[in-house]
Amino acid sequence: MYGNVWEWCADYQHEDYQDAPSDGSVWIIDGNPEYRMLRGGSWDYDFSYCRSASRYYENPSTRNESFGFRVVCCLENS
């Protein structure tokens, strides 16, 4: 579903992936807590940003029609 909105992540802004957690956990150590990462591109950006590797960062108080989040829930087997 990439390309609908830039998806907010809990990770702090980092310049690169050096020392990033390898288990997929939130990366909030040694980063810039003023900014959070966004991923995946948006409907009003160039199509080349429509991929999971696309990264952008912004202050979490910023409101923009191109920023959003995905609600995820776990459905247990009945």
C-alpha atoms as a PDB file:
ATOM      1  CA  MET A   1       0.000   0.000   0.000  1.00  0.00           C
ATOM      2  CA  TYR A   2       2.901   2.362  -0.471  1.00  0.00           C
ATOM      3  CA  GLY A   3       2.170   5.643  -2.125  1.00  0.00           C
ATOM      4  CA  ASN A   4      -1.052   6.575  -0.346  1.00  0.00           C
ATOM      5  CA  VAL A   5       0.622   8.716   2.339  1.00  0.00           C
ATOM      6  CA  TRP A   6       4.068   8.974   3.889  1.00  0.00           C
ATOM      7  CA  GLU A   7       3.710   6.681   6.907  1.00  0.00           C
ATOM      8  CA  TRP A   8       4.830   7.976  10.293  1.00  0.00           C
ATOM      9  CA  CYS A   9       7.342   5.780  12.133  1.00  0.00           C
ATOM     10  CA  ALA A  10       8.301   5.967  15.804  1.00  0.00           C
ATOM     11  CA  ASP A  11      12.030   6.064  14.933  1.00  0.00           C
ATOM     12  CA  TYR A  12      14.012   9.203  15.662  1.00  0.00           C
ATOM     13  CA  GLN A  13      15.742  10.839  12.713  1.00  0.00           C
ATOM     14  CA  HIS A  14      19.171   9.361  11.898  1.00  0.00           C
ATOM     15  CA  GLU A  15      21.413  10.232   8.966  1.00  0.00           C
ATOM     16  CA  ASP A  16      22.096   6.600   8.027  1.00  0.00           C
ATOM     17  CA  TYR A  17      21.508   3.020   9.178  1.00  0.00           C
ATOM     18  CA  GLN A  18      24.777   2.651  11.099  1.00  0.00           C
ATOM     19  CA  ASP A  19      24.025   1.030  14.492  1.00  0.00           C
ATOM     20  CA  ALA A  20      20.333   0.536  13.646  1.00  0.00           C
ATOM     21  CA  PRO A  21      18.576  -2.288  15.527  1.00  0.00           C
ATOM     22  CA  SER A  22      18.603  -5.494  13.501  1.00  0.00           C
ATOM     23  CA  ASP A  23      15.423  -6.877  15.097  1.00  0.00           C
ATOM     24  CA  GLY A  24      13.000  -4.278  13.699  1.00  0.00           C
ATOM     25  CA  SER A  25      12.499  -2.527  17.025  1.00  0.00           C
ATOM     26  CA  VAL A  26      11.982   1.238  17.318  1.00  0.00           C
ATOM     27  CA  TRP A  27      15.226   3.159  16.906  1.00  0.00           C
ATOM     28  CA  ILE A  28      15.230   5.984  19.449  1.00  0.00           C
ATOM     29  CA  ILE A  29      18.816   5.774  20.720  1.00  0.00           C
ATOM     30  CA  ASP A  30      21.346   8.405  19.606  1.00  0.00           C
ATOM     31  CA  GLY A  31      18.962   9.986  17.104  1.00  0.00           C
ATOM     32  CA  ASN A  32      17.404  13.414  16.846  1.00  0.00           C
ATOM     33  CA  PRO A  33      14.259  13.290  19.048  1.00  0.00           C
ATOM     34  CA  GLU A  34      12.916  16.484  17.440  1.00  0.00           C
ATOM     35  CA  TYR A  35      12.128  14.574  14.221  1.00  0.00           C
ATOM     36  CA  ARG A  36      10.432  11.268  13.364  1.00  0.00           C
ATOM     37  CA  MET A  37      10.867   9.213  10.225  1.00  0.00           C
ATOM     38  CA  LEU A  38       8.296   8.826   7.469  1.00  0.00           C
ATOM     39  CA  ARG A  39       8.404   6.068   4.846  1.00  0.00           C
ATOM     40  CA  GLY A  40       6.872   5.020   1.568  1.00  0.00           C
ATOM     41  CA  GLY A  41       6.073   8.094  -0.498  1.00  0.00           C
ATOM     42  CA  SER A  42       2.728   9.764  -1.062  1.00  0.00           C
ATOM     43  CA  TRP A  43       0.144  10.317  -3.770  1.00  0.00           C
ATOM     44  CA  ASP A  44       1.466  13.817  -4.534  1.00  0.00           C
ATOM     45  CA  TYR A  45       5.184  12.944  -4.732  1.00  0.00           C
ATOM     46  CA  ASP A  46       7.144  11.509  -7.646  1.00  0.00           C
ATOM     47  CA  PHE A  47       6.423   7.781  -8.177  1.00  0.00           C
ATOM     48  CA  SER A  48      10.083   6.921  -7.514  1.00  0.00           C
ATOM     49  CA  TYR A  49       9.431   7.558  -3.790  1.00  0.00           C
ATOM     50  CA  CYS A  50       6.730   4.883  -3.705  1.00  0.00           C
ATOM     51  CA  ARG A  51       8.832   2.196  -2.039  1.00  0.00           C
ATOM     52  CA  SER A  52       9.603   1.071   1.504  1.00  0.00           C
ATOM     53  CA  ALA A  53      13.203   2.277   1.265  1.00  0.00           C
ATOM     54  CA  SER A  54      12.055   5.887   0.761  1.00  0.00           C
ATOM     55  CA  ARG A  55      12.793   7.866   3.893  1.00  0.00           C
ATOM     56  CA  TYR A  56      11.818  11.359   4.939  1.00  0.00           C
ATOM     57  CA  TYR A  57      11.717  13.057   8.314  1.00  0.00           C
ATOM     58  CA  GLU A  58       9.647  15.780   9.892  1.00  0.00           C
ATOM     59  CA  ASN A  59       8.706  17.192  13.272  1.00  0.00           C
ATOM     60  CA  PRO A  60       5.840  15.034  14.624  1.00  0.00           C
ATOM     61  CA  SER A  61       3.685  18.107  15.260  1.00  0.00           C
ATOM     62  CA  THR A  62       3.645  18.872  11.513  1.00  0.00           C
ATOM     63  CA  ARG A  63       0.278  18.368   9.812  1.00  0.00           C
ATOM     64  CA  ASN A  64       0.219  17.587   6.109  1.00  0.00           C
ATOM     65  CA  GLU A  65      -2.275  15.841   3.827  1.00  0.00           C
ATOM     66  CA  SER A  66       0.585  13.665   2.572  1.00  0.00           C
ATOM     67  CA  PHE A  67       1.423  12.261   6.047  1.00  0.00           C
ATOM     68  CA  GLY A  68      -0.508   9.517   7.801  1.00  0.00           C
ATOM     69  CA  PHE A  69      -0.225   6.164   9.495  1.00  0.00           C
ATOM     70  CA  ARG A  70      -1.411   2.620   9.082  1.00  0.00           C
ATOM     71  CA  VAL A  71      -3.521   1.000  11.763  1.00  0.00           C
ATOM     72  CA  VAL A  72      -2.395  -2.549  12.443  1.00  0.00           C
ATOM     73  CA  CYS A  73      -4.148  -5.107  14.592  1.00  0.00           C
ATOM     74  CA  CYS A  74      -3.675  -8.771  15.253  1.00  0.00           C
ATOM     75  CA  LEU A  75      -6.605 -11.078  14.569  1.00  0.00           C
ATOM     76  CA  GLU A  76      -6.457 -14.231  16.598  1.00  0.00           C
ATOM     77  CA  ASN A  77      -7.622 -17.505  15.088  1.00  0.00           C
ATOM     78  CA  SER A  78     -10.977 -18.582  16.448  1.00  0.00           C
END
